[in-house]
Amino acid sequence: MVTYIYWFTIIIAALLLFALLARMDHWKSAVSVAIIILMAGWAAYFFKFENILARNYGGVMEVTVPEGMYNIGMTWKGNNLWVENYDAESNTCIFQERTPGGIWQGEVRLHNCNPLMPTNTKVR
């Protein structure tokens, strides 16, 4: 919900400044300012606020599981999201850190992981 409020505020600000400058017959300035506000709002959201809004305020964020992999879990460390996926073909668990800006930064690979298959070991 808070993500929609953020975008609503950015769009309203761009429209208000566009209308104000257009009313004064500064059409080129009106278009330029509106585009700058929309681009700055997008950049601020994508590179700074997406993780913060999703984690702290119930915002919306989408993460896609790569094809051929299974998602095992996700957790937050600070404002960065760590995603654990399982690659059945190579029998590897892959932990990836998603930082602001949608950048997959850190990665940890656990070989011979096999979390989705039951084991035949008995606990004594």
Protein backbone atom coordinates (compact mmCIF):
# COMPACT_ATOMS: atom_id res chain seq x y z
CA MET A 1 0.00 0.00 0.00
CA VAL A 2 2.78 2.39 0.89
CA THR A 3 4.40 1.79 -2.50
CA TYR A 4 1.24 2.96 -4.23
CA ILE A 5 1.16 6.09 -2.02
CA TYR A 6 4.77 6.82 -2.99
CA TRP A 7 4.00 6.60 -6.71
CA PHE A 8 0.76 8.56 -6.32
CA THR A 9 2.73 11.37 -4.63
CA ILE A 10 5.41 11.42 -7.34
CA ILE A 11 2.83 11.52 -10.14
CA ILE A 12 0.74 14.24 -8.46
CA ALA A 13 3.88 16.38 -7.92
CA ALA A 14 4.84 16.00 -11.59
CA LEU A 15 1.31 16.85 -12.77
CA LEU A 16 1.01 19.89 -10.49
CA LEU A 17 4.29 21.40 -11.63
CA PHE A 18 3.43 20.58 -15.24
CA ALA A 19 0.06 22.34 -14.89
CA LEU A 20 1.62 25.35 -13.15
CA LEU A 21 4.29 25.86 -15.81
CA ALA A 22 1.91 25.09 -18.69
CA ARG A 23 -0.50 27.72 -17.40
CA MET A 24 2.31 30.27 -17.65
CA ASP A 25 2.94 29.18 -21.27
CA HIS A 26 6.28 27.53 -20.51
CA TRP A 27 5.49 24.27 -22.29
CA LYS A 28 9.06 23.11 -22.82
CA SER A 29 9.89 23.74 -19.17
CA ALA A 30 6.67 22.04 -18.07
CA VAL A 31 7.46 18.86 -20.00
CA SER A 32 11.11 18.90 -18.89
CA VAL A 33 10.27 19.37 -15.19
CA ALA A 34 7.60 16.66 -15.26
CA ILE A 35 10.00 14.19 -16.89
CA ILE A 36 12.78 15.06 -14.42
CA ILE A 37 10.47 14.55 -11.44
CA LEU A 38 9.25 11.20 -12.77
CA MET A 39 12.79 10.02 -13.52
CA ALA A 40 14.09 11.18 -10.11
CA GLY A 41 11.17 9.44 -8.38
CA TRP A 42 11.85 6.23 -10.29
CA ALA A 43 15.59 6.35 -9.53
CA ALA A 44 15.01 7.08 -5.84
CA TYR A 45 12.55 4.21 -5.57
CA PHE A 46 14.61 1.72 -7.53
CA PHE A 47 18.01 2.52 -5.98
CA LYS A 48 17.00 3.47 -2.43
CA PHE A 49 13.43 2.95 -1.29
CA GLU A 50 12.20 -0.36 -2.77
CA ASN A 51 13.75 -2.63 -0.13
CA ILE A 52 13.07 -0.15 2.69
CA LEU A 53 9.40 0.28 1.80
CA ALA A 54 8.85 -3.46 1.32
CA ARG A 55 10.55 -4.46 4.57
CA ASN A 56 9.57 -1.70 6.98
CA TYR A 57 6.24 -0.41 5.69
CA GLY A 58 4.58 -3.28 3.85
CA GLY A 59 5.43 -2.11 0.35
CA VAL A 60 5.36 -4.21 -2.79
CA MET A 61 8.46 -5.94 -4.17
CA GLU A 62 8.78 -8.71 -6.74
CA VAL A 63 11.50 -11.33 -6.95
CA THR A 64 11.54 -13.95 -9.70
CA VAL A 65 12.93 -17.43 -9.14
CA PRO A 66 15.24 -18.38 -12.01
CA GLU A 67 13.98 -21.10 -14.32
CA GLY A 68 14.95 -24.61 -13.26
CA MET A 69 15.40 -23.61 -9.63
CA TYR A 70 13.25 -24.00 -6.51
CA ASN A 71 12.88 -21.30 -3.87
CA ILE A 72 13.62 -22.52 -0.36
CA GLY A 73 13.33 -19.31 1.61
CA MET A 74 14.07 -15.62 2.03
CA THR A 75 15.20 -13.46 4.92
CA TRP A 76 16.12 -9.85 5.55
CA LYS A 77 19.55 -8.78 6.75
CA GLY A 78 19.34 -5.05 7.33
CA ASN A 79 17.56 -3.65 4.30
CA ASN A 80 18.95 -6.33 1.98
CA LEU A 81 16.99 -9.41 1.02
CA TRP A 82 18.73 -12.81 1.01
CA VAL A 83 17.08 -15.40 -1.22
CA GLU A 84 17.83 -19.13 -1.06
CA ASN A 85 17.21 -21.13 -4.21
CA TYR A 86 17.94 -24.77 -4.96
CA ASP A 87 19.34 -25.91 -8.29
CA ALA A 88 18.34 -29.58 -8.63
CA GLU A 89 20.48 -30.13 -11.72
CA SER A 90 23.74 -29.34 -9.93
CA ASN A 91 22.46 -30.24 -6.42
CA THR A 92 23.46 -26.80 -5.14
CA CYS A 93 21.80 -24.34 -2.75
CA ILE A 94 22.44 -20.76 -3.81
CA PHE A 95 22.04 -17.84 -1.39
CA GLN A 96 21.89 -14.45 -3.12
CA GLU A 97 21.77 -10.95 -1.63
CA ARG A 98 19.44 -8.49 -3.34
CA THR A 99 20.49 -4.93 -2.55
CA PRO A 100 18.64 -1.71 -3.42
CA GLY A 101 18.53 -1.22 -7.15
CA GLY A 102 17.69 -4.85 -7.81
CA ILE A 103 21.37 -5.71 -7.84
CA TRP A 104 22.26 -9.28 -6.92
CA GLN A 105 25.42 -8.59 -4.99
CA GLY A 106 26.56 -11.32 -2.60
CA GLU A 107 26.33 -15.01 -3.42
CA VAL A 108 27.05 -18.14 -1.41
CA ARG A 109 26.94 -21.62 -3.00
CA LEU A 110 26.46 -24.76 -0.94
CA HIS A 111 27.32 -27.86 -3.00
CA ASN A 112 25.69 -31.27 -2.38
CA CYS A 113 22.87 -29.50 -0.60
CA ASN A 114 19.82 -31.54 -1.66
CA PRO A 115 17.25 -29.99 0.73
CA LEU A 116 14.16 -31.15 -1.12
CA MET A 117 14.84 -34.89 -1.03
CA PRO A 118 14.28 -36.99 2.08
CA THR A 119 17.30 -38.78 3.41
CA ASN A 120 17.44 -42.40 4.52
CA THR A 121 19.48 -41.71 7.63
CA LYS A 122 17.94 -42.66 10.96
CA VAL A 123 18.32 -40.56 14.04
CA ARG A 124 19.21 -42.56 17.18
